[in-house]
Amino acid sequence: MDTDTLFRAVFIGLALGMIAIRIYYQAMVKIEREHTVTRHGGPRLILGGVAAIVTLVFGIEYMFSPGSFGWAYAVRYPDSLRWAGVVLLTGGEVLLALSHHHLGKNFNSLVRVREGHTLAESGPYRWIRHPIYTAYFVNYIGGGLLSANLVLTLVPALFYGAMIALRVGDEEQTMIETFGERYVSYMRRTGRFLPKFGVPSPSDTGPEV
C-alpha cells in the first residue's frame, strides 16, 4: 500500500468514526418542545453549515475520487504534516466522544435550556467550557492536513471559527442566567476552548456552597 492510499484509508476510517459518534449521541437526545426554552435563534449555525457542506463535498471527493478538484491540492503537504493531521483528527474524535458522553442530554445544536438542565463539570468540562467546539475545530484542521487539501484545511475551520466567535458569548450568557454565580465561578477556573494553567480544580478548592 502506497502512502497516499494509506492516508486515504485512515481518513475514511476516522471520518466514519466521527459520523458514528455524532449520530449516536444525537439519537440519545430527545427534545421535548414543551419543556425546552430557546434563548437564542440559530441563524449563526449557517456558518457551521457551510463548514459542514464544504467538508462533505471535498471529503467525499478525497475519499472516492482524489484529485478531481486538482486545484485544491496545489500545495504538496509533507508526510510529517499529514501524520500531524492523523494525530489531530484522532485526538479531536476522542475529545468529541468524551465531551458528548459527559454532556449527556444537555447537548443541543441550538442555544437552549431544557427542563432539568444540569451543568456539566466532569470529563473535559472540568477544564474546558466548550470542548465540543474545540474538538470540531481540531477535527477540521486535522482532516485538512491529513487529506493534503487546501480547501479542507482552511475553509471549514474559518467558517466554523466564525460561528463559534458569534455564538459563544450568547451561550455563556444563557448559562449565567440559568446557573448564576455557580457558572461565573466555573468560568473563573476553566478556559473557553483550552485549559487554564495554574487554576485550582473544584476538587482542590472544595465544594461550593
Protein backbone atom coordinates (compact mmCIF):
# COMPACT_ATOMS: atom_id res chain seq x y z
CA MET A 1 0.00 0.00 0.00
CA ASP A 2 1.49 3.35 -1.00
CA THR A 3 1.49 6.30 1.37
CA ASP A 4 -1.34 8.20 -0.32
CA THR A 5 -3.60 5.15 -0.18
CA LEU A 6 -2.74 4.66 3.48
CA PHE A 7 -3.60 8.26 4.32
CA ARG A 8 -6.87 7.99 2.42
CA ALA A 9 -7.80 4.77 4.24
CA VAL A 10 -7.07 6.42 7.59
CA PHE A 11 -9.13 9.45 6.57
CA ILE A 12 -12.10 7.25 5.65
CA GLY A 13 -11.90 5.33 8.91
CA LEU A 14 -11.70 8.45 11.05
CA ALA A 15 -14.47 10.17 9.07
CA LEU A 16 -16.79 7.22 9.64
CA GLY A 17 -15.86 7.25 13.31
CA MET A 18 -16.76 10.92 13.69
CA ILE A 19 -20.08 10.42 11.90
CA ALA A 20 -20.88 7.48 14.16
CA ILE A 21 -20.11 9.50 17.30
CA ARG A 22 -22.36 12.34 16.20
CA ILE A 23 -25.26 10.12 15.15
CA TYR A 24 -25.08 8.03 18.31
CA TYR A 25 -25.15 10.93 20.75
CA GLN A 26 -27.61 12.96 18.69
CA ALA A 27 -30.01 10.00 18.78
CA MET A 28 -29.76 9.91 22.57
CA VAL A 29 -31.05 13.46 22.88
CA LYS A 30 -34.83 13.74 22.84
CA ILE A 31 -36.01 17.35 22.69
CA GLU A 32 -39.36 17.88 24.40
CA ARG A 33 -40.50 21.22 22.98
CA GLU A 34 -42.92 21.98 25.79
CA HIS A 35 -40.10 21.66 28.32
CA THR A 36 -37.45 23.48 26.30
CA VAL A 37 -36.76 27.21 26.07
CA THR A 38 -34.78 28.56 23.12
CA ARG A 39 -32.82 31.56 24.34
CA HIS A 40 -31.23 32.47 21.01
CA GLY A 41 -32.07 31.56 17.43
CA GLY A 42 -29.92 29.53 15.13
CA PRO A 43 -29.09 31.74 12.09
CA ARG A 44 -25.41 31.67 13.08
CA LEU A 45 -25.50 27.94 12.50
CA ILE A 46 -25.47 28.79 8.78
CA LEU A 47 -21.74 29.39 9.13
CA GLY A 48 -21.35 25.98 10.70
CA GLY A 49 -23.50 24.55 7.92
CA VAL A 50 -21.14 25.98 5.29
CA ALA A 51 -18.21 24.36 7.09
CA ALA A 52 -20.03 21.02 7.15
CA ILE A 53 -21.07 21.18 3.48
CA VAL A 54 -17.56 22.07 2.31
CA THR A 55 -16.18 19.23 4.40
CA LEU A 56 -18.75 16.82 2.98
CA VAL A 57 -18.16 17.76 -0.66
CA PHE A 58 -14.38 17.88 -0.57
CA GLY A 59 -14.16 14.98 1.86
CA ILE A 60 -16.17 12.72 -0.46
CA GLU A 61 -14.02 13.85 -3.38
CA TYR A 62 -10.87 12.93 -1.49
CA MET A 63 -12.21 9.57 -0.35
CA PHE A 64 -13.66 8.33 -3.62
CA SER A 65 -12.20 10.42 -6.43
CA PRO A 66 -8.98 12.02 -5.19
CA GLY A 67 -7.57 14.67 -7.49
CA SER A 68 -10.88 15.57 -9.18
CA PHE A 69 -10.51 19.04 -7.67
CA GLY A 70 -6.86 19.29 -8.63
CA TRP A 71 -6.54 22.95 -7.70
CA ALA A 72 -7.33 22.05 -4.06
CA TYR A 73 -4.09 20.02 -3.96
CA ALA A 74 -1.87 22.75 -5.41
CA VAL A 75 0.43 22.67 -2.37
CA ARG A 76 2.26 19.43 -1.65
CA TYR A 77 2.00 18.59 2.05
CA PRO A 78 4.98 16.71 3.53
CA ASP A 79 4.14 13.37 5.13
CA SER A 80 5.09 14.73 8.54
CA LEU A 81 2.31 17.32 8.26
CA ARG A 82 -0.16 14.66 7.19
CA TRP A 83 0.76 12.46 10.14
CA ALA A 84 0.20 15.51 12.35
CA GLY A 85 -3.28 15.60 10.81
CA VAL A 86 -3.82 11.98 11.83
CA VAL A 87 -2.87 12.84 15.42
CA LEU A 88 -5.12 15.92 15.49
CA LEU A 89 -8.10 14.17 13.95
CA THR A 90 -7.76 11.17 16.26
CA GLY A 91 -7.40 13.38 19.32
CA GLY A 92 -10.32 15.52 18.22
CA GLU A 93 -12.57 12.49 17.87
CA VAL A 94 -11.64 11.23 21.33
CA LEU A 95 -12.37 14.67 22.78
CA LEU A 96 -15.67 14.81 20.88
CA ALA A 97 -16.80 11.42 22.21
CA LEU A 98 -15.80 12.24 25.79
CA SER A 99 -17.49 15.65 25.62
CA HIS A 100 -20.75 14.21 24.34
CA HIS A 101 -20.63 11.46 26.96
CA HIS A 102 -20.22 13.89 29.85
CA LEU A 103 -22.64 16.46 28.45
CA GLY A 104 -25.34 13.83 28.01
CA LYS A 105 -28.88 15.03 27.35
CA ASN A 106 -27.87 18.65 27.85
CA PHE A 107 -26.48 18.69 24.30
CA ASN A 108 -28.33 20.71 21.69
CA SER A 109 -27.30 22.30 18.39
CA LEU A 110 -29.20 25.47 19.37
CA VAL A 111 -28.70 27.59 22.47
CA ARG A 112 -31.46 26.00 24.52
CA VAL A 113 -32.25 25.31 28.14
CA ARG A 114 -34.30 22.20 28.86
CA GLU A 115 -36.21 21.30 31.99
CA GLY A 116 -33.79 19.64 34.38
CA HIS A 117 -30.79 21.14 32.56
CA THR A 118 -27.60 20.44 34.51
CA LEU A 119 -24.15 22.00 34.44
CA ALA A 120 -21.56 19.55 33.12
CA GLU A 121 -18.34 19.79 35.13
CA SER A 122 -16.87 16.32 34.62
CA GLY A 123 -14.60 14.89 31.95
CA PRO A 124 -13.31 17.56 29.55
CA TYR A 125 -15.74 20.07 31.11
CA ARG A 126 -13.62 20.03 34.24
CA TRP A 127 -11.04 22.12 32.38
CA ILE A 128 -12.79 23.48 29.24
CA ARG A 129 -16.22 25.10 28.95
CA HIS A 130 -16.72 24.29 25.26
CA PRO A 131 -14.78 21.11 24.43
CA ILE A 132 -17.14 20.15 21.59
CA TYR A 133 -16.24 23.37 19.78
CA THR A 134 -12.57 22.64 20.38
CA ALA A 135 -12.99 19.08 19.10
CA TYR A 136 -14.65 20.11 15.86
CA PHE A 137 -12.14 22.87 15.18
CA VAL A 138 -9.27 20.44 15.72
CA ASN A 139 -11.04 17.86 13.53
CA TYR A 140 -11.43 20.32 10.68
CA ILE A 141 -7.74 21.24 10.79
CA GLY A 142 -6.66 17.63 11.22
CA GLY A 143 -8.80 16.38 8.36
CA GLY A 144 -7.44 19.07 6.07
CA LEU A 145 -3.84 18.25 6.88
CA LEU A 146 -4.42 14.51 6.54
CA SER A 147 -6.04 14.90 3.11
CA ALA A 148 -3.41 17.44 1.98
CA ASN A 149 -6.30 19.52 0.67
CA LEU A 150 -6.01 23.32 0.94
CA VAL A 151 -9.79 23.82 0.93
CA LEU A 152 -10.37 21.27 3.69
CA THR A 153 -7.52 22.74 5.71
CA LEU A 154 -8.70 26.36 5.61
CA VAL A 155 -12.35 26.89 4.67
CA PRO A 156 -14.23 24.72 7.22
CA ALA A 157 -12.06 25.93 10.10
CA LEU A 158 -12.59 29.59 9.11
CA PHE A 159 -16.38 29.30 8.86
CA TYR A 160 -16.68 27.17 11.99
CA GLY A 161 -14.42 29.56 13.89
CA ALA A 162 -16.60 32.50 12.81
CA MET A 163 -19.72 30.67 14.02
CA ILE A 164 -18.14 29.99 17.39
CA ALA A 165 -16.99 33.61 17.76
CA LEU A 166 -20.52 34.89 17.14
CA ARG A 167 -22.27 32.27 19.26
CA VAL A 168 -20.19 31.54 22.34
CA GLY A 169 -20.94 34.83 24.13
CA ASP A 170 -24.71 34.27 23.90
CA GLU A 171 -24.27 30.69 25.05
CA GLU A 172 -22.31 31.69 28.12
CA GLN A 173 -24.76 34.48 28.95
CA THR A 174 -27.57 31.93 28.82
CA MET A 175 -25.66 29.69 31.21
CA ILE A 176 -25.10 32.62 33.60
CA GLU A 177 -28.82 33.38 33.52
CA THR A 178 -29.58 29.74 34.23
CA PHE A 179 -26.95 28.85 36.85
CA GLY A 180 -25.97 32.27 38.21
CA GLU A 181 -22.88 32.53 40.42
CA ARG A 182 -22.14 28.83 40.04
CA TYR A 183 -21.43 29.31 36.34
CA VAL A 184 -19.49 32.53 36.96
CA SER A 185 -17.27 30.60 39.37
CA TYR A 186 -16.97 27.80 36.81
CA MET A 187 -15.84 30.36 34.21
CA ARG A 188 -13.09 31.60 36.52
CA ARG A 189 -11.45 28.20 36.83
CA THR A 190 -11.89 26.95 33.25
CA GLY A 191 -10.82 28.08 29.80
CA ARG A 192 -13.24 28.59 26.95
CA PHE A 193 -11.54 26.29 24.48
CA LEU A 194 -8.24 25.32 26.14
CA PRO A 195 -7.48 24.55 29.79
CA LYS A 196 -6.29 27.28 32.10
CA PHE A 197 -2.98 26.54 33.76
CA GLY A 198 -2.37 27.17 37.43
CA VAL A 199 -6.09 27.37 38.24
CA PRO A 200 -7.34 25.10 41.05
CA SER A 201 -9.96 22.50 40.09
CA PRO A 202 -13.17 22.01 42.10
CA SER A 203 -11.61 19.04 43.91
CA ASP A 204 -8.75 21.30 45.05
CA THR A 205 -10.91 24.14 46.29
CA GLY A 206 -13.59 22.01 47.95
CA PRO A 207 -17.36 22.02 47.32
CA GLU A 208 -19.14 25.28 46.60
CA VAL A 209 -21.89 26.40 48.94
